[in-house]
Amino acid sequence: MLRLLLRWILQAAALLLVAYFVPGFHVRNFPAALVAALVIGLLNATLGLLLKLITLPLGILTLGLFFLVINAIILEVASVIVPGFSVASFGAAFIGAVVLALLHVLVEAIAD
């Protein structure tokens, strides 16, 4: 349970870092980042999984790079749902998805 809480907090901190470095990617404050991290996780577990299954051949063809597009779509959907979290354009969402993927590797290294 403590590991899950640590991952949630680290993912929220990663969202704040992305908002600091990526233009067009905005998070109002840490509580908004916590809610956004939770919503992004739930969307990835439901809608993201469905989209990745549907586009699996394209994902294999592009060696997994197309899944970054799906992650960008998930970020844009989350920005519509969560107040205090916004993504200005698909380009910002895509760059944010790339940076979040890199930060996710660091979060997993820290949490394990």
C-alpha atoms as a PDB file:
ATOM      1  CA  MET A   1       0.000   0.000   0.000  1.00  0.00           C
ATOM      2  CA  LEU A   2       2.853   2.352   0.822  1.00  0.00           C
ATOM      3  CA  ARG A   3       4.532   1.575  -2.517  1.00  0.00           C
ATOM      4  CA  LEU A   4       1.307   2.458  -4.375  1.00  0.00           C
ATOM      5  CA  LEU A   5       1.077   5.770  -2.503  1.00  0.00           C
ATOM      6  CA  LEU A   6       4.733   6.508  -3.275  1.00  0.00           C
ATOM      7  CA  ARG A   7       4.194   5.835  -6.993  1.00  0.00           C
ATOM      8  CA  TRP A   8       1.127   8.078  -7.024  1.00  0.00           C
ATOM      9  CA  ILE A   9       3.039  10.949  -5.412  1.00  0.00           C
ATOM     10  CA  LEU A  10       6.028  10.463  -7.713  1.00  0.00           C
ATOM     11  CA  GLN A  11       3.779  10.426 -10.794  1.00  0.00           C
ATOM     12  CA  ALA A  12       2.159  13.674  -9.628  1.00  0.00           C
ATOM     13  CA  ALA A  13       5.626  15.180  -9.156  1.00  0.00           C
ATOM     14  CA  ALA A  14       6.522  13.987 -12.665  1.00  0.00           C
ATOM     15  CA  LEU A  15       3.458  15.801 -14.025  1.00  0.00           C
ATOM     16  CA  LEU A  16       4.623  18.987 -12.292  1.00  0.00           C
ATOM     17  CA  LEU A  17       8.087  18.576 -13.844  1.00  0.00           C
ATOM     18  CA  VAL A  18       6.577  18.108 -17.291  1.00  0.00           C
ATOM     19  CA  ALA A  19       4.434  21.205 -16.766  1.00  0.00           C
ATOM     20  CA  TYR A  20       7.579  23.144 -15.872  1.00  0.00           C
ATOM     21  CA  PHE A  21       9.569  22.062 -18.937  1.00  0.00           C
ATOM     22  CA  VAL A  22       6.975  21.560 -21.708  1.00  0.00           C
ATOM     23  CA  PRO A  23       5.276  24.668 -23.083  1.00  0.00           C
ATOM     24  CA  GLY A  24       1.510  24.268 -23.389  1.00  0.00           C
ATOM     25  CA  PHE A  25       1.342  21.720 -20.558  1.00  0.00           C
ATOM     26  CA  HIS A  26      -0.092  23.270 -17.380  1.00  0.00           C
ATOM     27  CA  VAL A  27      -0.764  21.943 -13.886  1.00  0.00           C
ATOM     28  CA  ARG A  28      -2.163  24.474 -11.411  1.00  0.00           C
ATOM     29  CA  ASN A  29      -0.845  22.937  -8.156  1.00  0.00           C
ATOM     30  CA  PHE A  30       0.130  19.680  -6.451  1.00  0.00           C
ATOM     31  CA  PRO A  31      -3.444  18.571  -5.568  1.00  0.00           C
ATOM     32  CA  ALA A  32      -4.423  19.039  -9.218  1.00  0.00           C
ATOM     33  CA  ALA A  33      -1.379  16.963 -10.170  1.00  0.00           C
ATOM     34  CA  LEU A  34      -2.470  14.214  -7.760  1.00  0.00           C
ATOM     35  CA  VAL A  35      -5.962  14.108  -9.291  1.00  0.00           C
ATOM     36  CA  ALA A  36      -4.517  14.250 -12.817  1.00  0.00           C
ATOM     37  CA  ALA A  37      -2.132  11.354 -12.063  1.00  0.00           C
ATOM     38  CA  LEU A  38      -5.043   9.310 -10.732  1.00  0.00           C
ATOM     39  CA  VAL A  39      -7.248  10.065 -13.750  1.00  0.00           C
ATOM     40  CA  ILE A  40      -4.419   9.376 -16.206  1.00  0.00           C
ATOM     41  CA  GLY A  41      -3.785   6.029 -14.507  1.00  0.00           C
ATOM     42  CA  LEU A  42      -7.462   5.077 -14.678  1.00  0.00           C
ATOM     43  CA  LEU A  43      -7.723   6.165 -18.314  1.00  0.00           C
ATOM     44  CA  ASN A  44      -4.593   4.183 -19.188  1.00  0.00           C
ATOM     45  CA  ALA A  45      -6.040   1.101 -17.494  1.00  0.00           C
ATOM     46  CA  THR A  46      -9.330   1.335 -19.402  1.00  0.00           C
ATOM     47  CA  LEU A  47      -9.395   3.450 -22.562  1.00  0.00           C
ATOM     48  CA  GLY A  48      -5.631   3.244 -23.116  1.00  0.00           C
ATOM     49  CA  LEU A  49      -5.648  -0.539 -22.904  1.00  0.00           C
ATOM     50  CA  LEU A  50      -8.516  -0.753 -25.384  1.00  0.00           C
ATOM     51  CA  LEU A  51      -6.838   1.629 -27.830  1.00  0.00           C
ATOM     52  CA  LYS A  52      -3.524  -0.219 -27.542  1.00  0.00           C
ATOM     53  CA  LEU A  53      -5.216  -3.539 -28.273  1.00  0.00           C
ATOM     54  CA  ILE A  54      -7.017  -2.116 -31.297  1.00  0.00           C
ATOM     55  CA  THR A  55      -3.849  -0.525 -32.693  1.00  0.00           C
ATOM     56  CA  LEU A  56      -1.489  -3.358 -31.782  1.00  0.00           C
ATOM     57  CA  PRO A  57      -0.464  -4.111 -35.399  1.00  0.00           C
ATOM     58  CA  LEU A  58       0.411  -0.447 -35.947  1.00  0.00           C
ATOM     59  CA  GLY A  59       2.276  -0.417 -32.646  1.00  0.00           C
ATOM     60  CA  ILE A  60       4.312  -3.444 -33.689  1.00  0.00           C
ATOM     61  CA  LEU A  61       4.989  -1.921 -37.108  1.00  0.00           C
ATOM     62  CA  THR A  62       6.327   1.283 -35.528  1.00  0.00           C
ATOM     63  CA  LEU A  63       8.240  -0.605 -32.816  1.00  0.00           C
ATOM     64  CA  GLY A  64       5.983   0.790 -30.104  1.00  0.00           C
ATOM     65  CA  LEU A  65       6.349   4.455 -31.006  1.00  0.00           C
ATOM     66  CA  PHE A  66       2.653   4.719 -31.927  1.00  0.00           C
ATOM     67  CA  PHE A  67       1.794   4.041 -28.298  1.00  0.00           C
ATOM     68  CA  LEU A  68       3.187   7.508 -27.515  1.00  0.00           C
ATOM     69  CA  VAL A  69       0.390   8.899 -29.701  1.00  0.00           C
ATOM     70  CA  ILE A  70      -2.141   6.960 -27.623  1.00  0.00           C
ATOM     71  CA  ASN A  71      -0.553   8.290 -24.435  1.00  0.00           C
ATOM     72  CA  ALA A  72      -0.859  11.824 -25.842  1.00  0.00           C
ATOM     73  CA  ILE A  73      -4.552  11.194 -26.530  1.00  0.00           C
ATOM     74  CA  ILE A  74      -4.970   9.967 -22.947  1.00  0.00           C
ATOM     75  CA  LEU A  75      -3.309  13.161 -21.674  1.00  0.00           C
ATOM     76  CA  GLU A  76      -5.679  15.302 -23.744  1.00  0.00           C
ATOM     77  CA  VAL A  77      -8.726  13.394 -22.462  1.00  0.00           C
ATOM     78  CA  ALA A  78      -7.476  13.799 -18.888  1.00  0.00           C
ATOM     79  CA  SER A  79      -7.029  17.535 -19.435  1.00  0.00           C
ATOM     80  CA  VAL A  80     -10.716  17.780 -20.334  1.00  0.00           C
ATOM     81  CA  ILE A  81     -11.757  15.884 -17.195  1.00  0.00           C
ATOM     82  CA  VAL A  82      -9.444  17.316 -14.511  1.00  0.00           C
ATOM     83  CA  PRO A  83      -9.778  20.965 -13.475  1.00  0.00           C
ATOM     84  CA  GLY A  84      -6.385  22.598 -12.987  1.00  0.00           C
ATOM     85  CA  PHE A  85      -4.720  20.371 -15.590  1.00  0.00           C
ATOM     86  CA  SER A  86      -4.630  21.504 -19.206  1.00  0.00           C
ATOM     87  CA  VAL A  87      -2.825  20.660 -22.403  1.00  0.00           C
ATOM     88  CA  ALA A  88      -2.859  23.359 -25.073  1.00  0.00           C
ATOM     89  CA  SER A  89      -2.279  21.248 -28.196  1.00  0.00           C
ATOM     90  CA  PHE A  90      -1.622  17.757 -29.446  1.00  0.00           C
ATOM     91  CA  GLY A  91       2.045  18.661 -29.917  1.00  0.00           C
ATOM     92  CA  ALA A  92       2.340  19.621 -26.265  1.00  0.00           C
ATOM     93  CA  ALA A  93       0.542  16.410 -25.308  1.00  0.00           C
ATOM     94  CA  PHE A  94       2.912  14.346 -27.460  1.00  0.00           C
ATOM     95  CA  ILE A  95       6.048  15.972 -26.039  1.00  0.00           C
ATOM     96  CA  GLY A  96       4.550  15.608 -22.559  1.00  0.00           C
ATOM     97  CA  ALA A  97       3.897  11.909 -23.230  1.00  0.00           C
ATOM     98  CA  VAL A  98       7.523  11.398 -24.265  1.00  0.00           C
ATOM     99  CA  VAL A  99       8.867  13.198 -21.186  1.00  0.00           C
ATOM    100  CA  LEU A 100       6.406  11.370 -18.917  1.00  0.00           C
ATOM    101  CA  ALA A 101       7.506   8.033 -20.381  1.00  0.00           C
ATOM    102  CA  LEU A 102      11.117   8.870 -19.559  1.00  0.00           C
ATOM    103  CA  LEU A 103      10.187  10.041 -16.069  1.00  0.00           C
ATOM    104  CA  HIS A 104       8.096   6.883 -15.585  1.00  0.00           C
ATOM    105  CA  VAL A 105      11.279   4.845 -15.968  1.00  0.00           C
ATOM    106  CA  LEU A 106      12.841   6.902 -13.160  1.00  0.00           C
ATOM    107  CA  VAL A 107       9.747   6.579 -10.955  1.00  0.00           C
ATOM    108  CA  GLU A 108       9.758   2.807 -11.345  1.00  0.00           C
ATOM    109  CA  ALA A 109      13.457   2.691 -10.472  1.00  0.00           C
ATOM    110  CA  ILE A 110      12.854   4.759  -7.340  1.00  0.00           C
ATOM    111  CA  ALA A 111       9.662   2.944  -6.241  1.00  0.00           C
ATOM    112  CA  ASP A 112      11.131  -0.560  -6.588  1.00  0.00           C
END
